[in-house]
Protein backbone atom coordinates (compact mmCIF):
# COMPACT_ATOMS: atom_id res chain seq x y z
CA UNK A 1 -8.12 -1.23 18.33
CA UNK A 2 -9.11 1.55 16.05
CA UNK A 3 -12.34 2.87 15.10
CA UNK A 4 -11.65 3.47 11.45
CA UNK A 5 -14.27 2.84 9.28
CA UNK A 6 -12.00 2.08 6.09
CA UNK A 7 -10.58 -1.15 7.26
CA UNK A 8 -11.01 -4.10 9.38
CA UNK A 9 -8.18 -5.98 11.13
CA UNK A 10 -6.09 -7.37 8.36
CA UNK A 11 -5.51 -11.30 8.42
CA UNK A 12 -3.18 -13.21 6.96
CA UNK A 13 -4.16 -15.52 4.37
CA UNK A 14 -4.08 -19.18 4.54
CA UNK A 15 -1.81 -21.74 2.98
CA UNK A 16 -4.84 -22.87 0.94
CA UNK A 17 -5.95 -18.81 -0.14
CA UNK A 18 -1.86 -18.29 -0.63
CA UNK A 19 -2.25 -20.96 -3.34
CA UNK A 20 -5.56 -19.82 -4.92
CA UNK A 21 -4.33 -16.40 -4.88
CA UNK A 22 -1.20 -17.36 -6.99
CA UNK A 23 -3.45 -19.49 -9.25
CA UNK A 24 -5.83 -16.56 -9.99
CA UNK A 25 -2.99 -14.41 -10.14
CA UNK A 26 -1.28 -16.55 -12.89
CA UNK A 27 -4.55 -16.80 -15.01
CA UNK A 28 -5.43 -12.69 -14.46
CA UNK A 29 -1.90 -11.91 -15.30
CA UNK A 30 -2.64 -13.52 -19.18
CA UNK A 31 -5.55 -11.24 -19.70
CA UNK A 32 -5.57 -8.21 -21.89
CA UNK A 33 -9.12 -6.50 -22.15
CA UNK A 34 -10.03 -2.84 -22.86
CA UNK A 35 -13.65 -3.68 -21.72
CA UNK A 36 -12.49 -4.78 -18.16
CA UNK A 37 -12.74 -8.41 -17.10
CA UNK A 38 -15.71 -10.07 -17.05
CA UNK A 39 -16.73 -12.33 -13.49
CA UNK A 40 -19.28 -14.78 -13.43
CA UNK A 41 -20.95 -15.19 -10.29
CA UNK A 42 -21.90 -18.63 -8.86
CA UNK A 43 -25.66 -18.03 -9.60
CA UNK A 44 -24.71 -17.82 -13.21
CA UNK A 45 -24.95 -13.59 -12.78
CA UNK A 46 -22.24 -12.10 -15.50
CA UNK A 47 -20.34 -8.93 -14.33
CA UNK A 48 -17.87 -6.73 -16.05
CA UNK A 49 -15.43 -4.72 -13.77
CA UNK A 50 -13.62 -1.84 -14.83
CA UNK A 51 -10.12 -2.02 -16.00
CA UNK A 52 -8.74 0.01 -12.28
CA UNK A 53 -10.46 -2.42 -10.22
CA UNK A 54 -8.92 -5.41 -12.47
CA UNK A 55 -5.44 -3.56 -11.79
CA UNK A 56 -6.56 -3.75 -8.15
CA UNK A 57 -7.61 -7.34 -8.11
CA UNK A 58 -4.66 -8.14 -9.77
CA UNK A 59 -2.07 -6.21 -7.22
CA UNK A 60 -4.67 -7.81 -4.00
CA UNK A 61 -4.12 -11.42 -5.37
CA UNK A 62 -0.28 -11.14 -6.14
CA UNK A 63 0.12 -9.84 -2.42
CA UNK A 64 -1.75 -12.59 -1.19
CA UNK A 65 0.10 -14.98 -3.20
CA UNK A 66 3.40 -13.88 -1.40
CA UNK A 67 1.57 -14.42 1.77
CA UNK A 68 1.02 -10.87 2.67
CA UNK A 69 -2.46 -9.70 4.28
CA UNK A 70 -3.91 -6.37 2.74
CA UNK A 71 -5.78 -3.71 3.26
CA UNK A 72 -7.75 -1.16 0.86
CA UNK A 73 -7.52 2.69 2.34
CA UNK A 74 -9.23 5.56 0.29
CA UNK A 75 -7.66 8.35 -1.09
CA UNK A 76 -9.24 10.50 1.68
CA UNK A 77 -9.01 8.06 4.20
CA UNK A 78 -7.98 9.92 7.66
CA UNK A 79 -6.06 7.33 9.60
CA UNK A 80 -5.07 7.38 13.16
CA UNK A 81 -1.57 8.29 14.16
CA UNK A 82 -1.31 4.03 14.67
CA UNK A 83 -2.78 3.02 11.19
CA UNK A 84 -0.31 5.96 9.96
CA UNK A 85 2.99 4.70 11.76
CA UNK A 86 2.21 1.24 10.21
CA UNK A 87 1.59 2.17 6.79
CA UNK A 88 5.23 4.48 6.79
CA UNK A 89 6.55 1.32 8.95
CA UNK A 90 7.74 3.50 11.78
CA UNK A 91 7.20 3.37 15.32
CA UNK A 92 4.48 5.71 16.80
CA UNK A 93 6.75 7.87 18.66
CA UNK A 94 8.72 8.57 15.15
CA UNK A 95 5.77 9.55 13.16
CA UNK A 96 4.28 11.93 16.21
CA UNK A 97 7.74 13.44 15.78
CA UNK A 98 7.09 13.69 11.65
CA UNK A 99 3.73 15.52 12.48
CA UNK A 100 4.88 17.32 15.13
CA UNK A 101 8.13 18.87 13.12
CA UNK A 102 5.42 19.60 10.23
CA UNK A 103 6.99 16.80 7.74
CA UNK A 104 3.78 15.36 7.38
CA UNK A 105 0.54 18.14 7.69
CA UNK A 106 -1.97 16.78 10.23
CA UNK A 107 -4.83 18.20 11.94
CA UNK A 108 -6.49 17.32 15.70
CA UNK A 109 -9.91 15.57 16.19
CA UNK A 110 -10.66 16.59 19.84
CA UNK A 111 -7.51 15.53 21.04
CA UNK A 112 -6.46 12.65 18.11
CA UNK A 113 -4.48 13.70 15.68
CA UNK A 114 -5.74 12.85 12.04
CA UNK A 115 -3.39 12.07 9.28
CA UNK A 116 -4.95 12.23 5.73
CA UNK A 117 -3.77 8.91 3.57
CA UNK A 118 -3.04 10.91 0.51
CA UNK A 119 -0.28 12.95 2.54
CA UNK A 120 0.98 9.60 3.51
CA UNK A 121 1.32 8.92 0.27
CA UNK A 122 3.42 11.89 -0.72
CA UNK A 123 5.49 11.49 1.88
CA UNK A 124 6.35 8.26 1.20
CA UNK A 125 6.87 8.93 -2.14
CA UNK A 126 9.42 11.89 -1.45
CA UNK A 127 11.14 9.56 1.32
CA UNK A 128 11.95 6.79 -1.35
CA UNK A 129 12.53 9.81 -4.14
CA UNK A 130 15.46 11.68 -1.25
CA UNK A 131 16.97 7.85 -0.53
CA UNK A 132 17.21 7.20 -4.51
CA UNK A 133 19.09 10.17 -4.92
CA UNK A 134 21.44 9.79 -1.44
CA UNK A 135 21.92 6.05 -2.81
CA UNK A 136 22.74 7.77 -6.42
CA UNK A 137 25.34 9.88 -4.49
CA UNK A 138 27.14 7.31 -2.24
CA UNK A 139 27.15 5.07 -5.72
CA UNK A 140 29.08 7.94 -6.89
CA UNK A 141 31.47 8.69 -4.84
CA UNK A 142 32.43 4.91 -4.62
CA UNK A 143 33.37 4.78 -7.92
CA UNK A 144 35.12 7.67 -7.82
CA UNK A 145 37.29 6.46 -4.97
CA UNK A 146 37.34 2.97 -6.96
CA UNK A 147 36.04 1.03 -3.78
CA UNK A 148 35.48 -1.69 -6.19
CA UNK A 149 31.64 -1.61 -5.61
């Protein structure tokens, strides 16, 4: 387990929660408001969510509707190597190799490595972009060689 203050262990939504999230997501997708989303609480109080929070809520509900657990990380969060590996969907030993090679910046806290979430996002974006370029080159080669793809 981790002592990170930024997340609790993710819990998969129940079947009922998936159905409720799907319905809520569909309704929220229809809402178009420049003023933010107005929400009425059970006690009758009304609050207005900022547009950014509305987009985040929509994304959260969509992921839950797909049966996925969702975890939020503040952009400035520092993650353990296991959390960072989980975010990149790689093994912890592979992440350690990336850190040691300098592919992803990190710093030490005592004897433990910490990785900024912002640096992980940057690495993931760059990796996706490199993969896209490589696939484009392979597709172009396949067409040049008339491989029928």
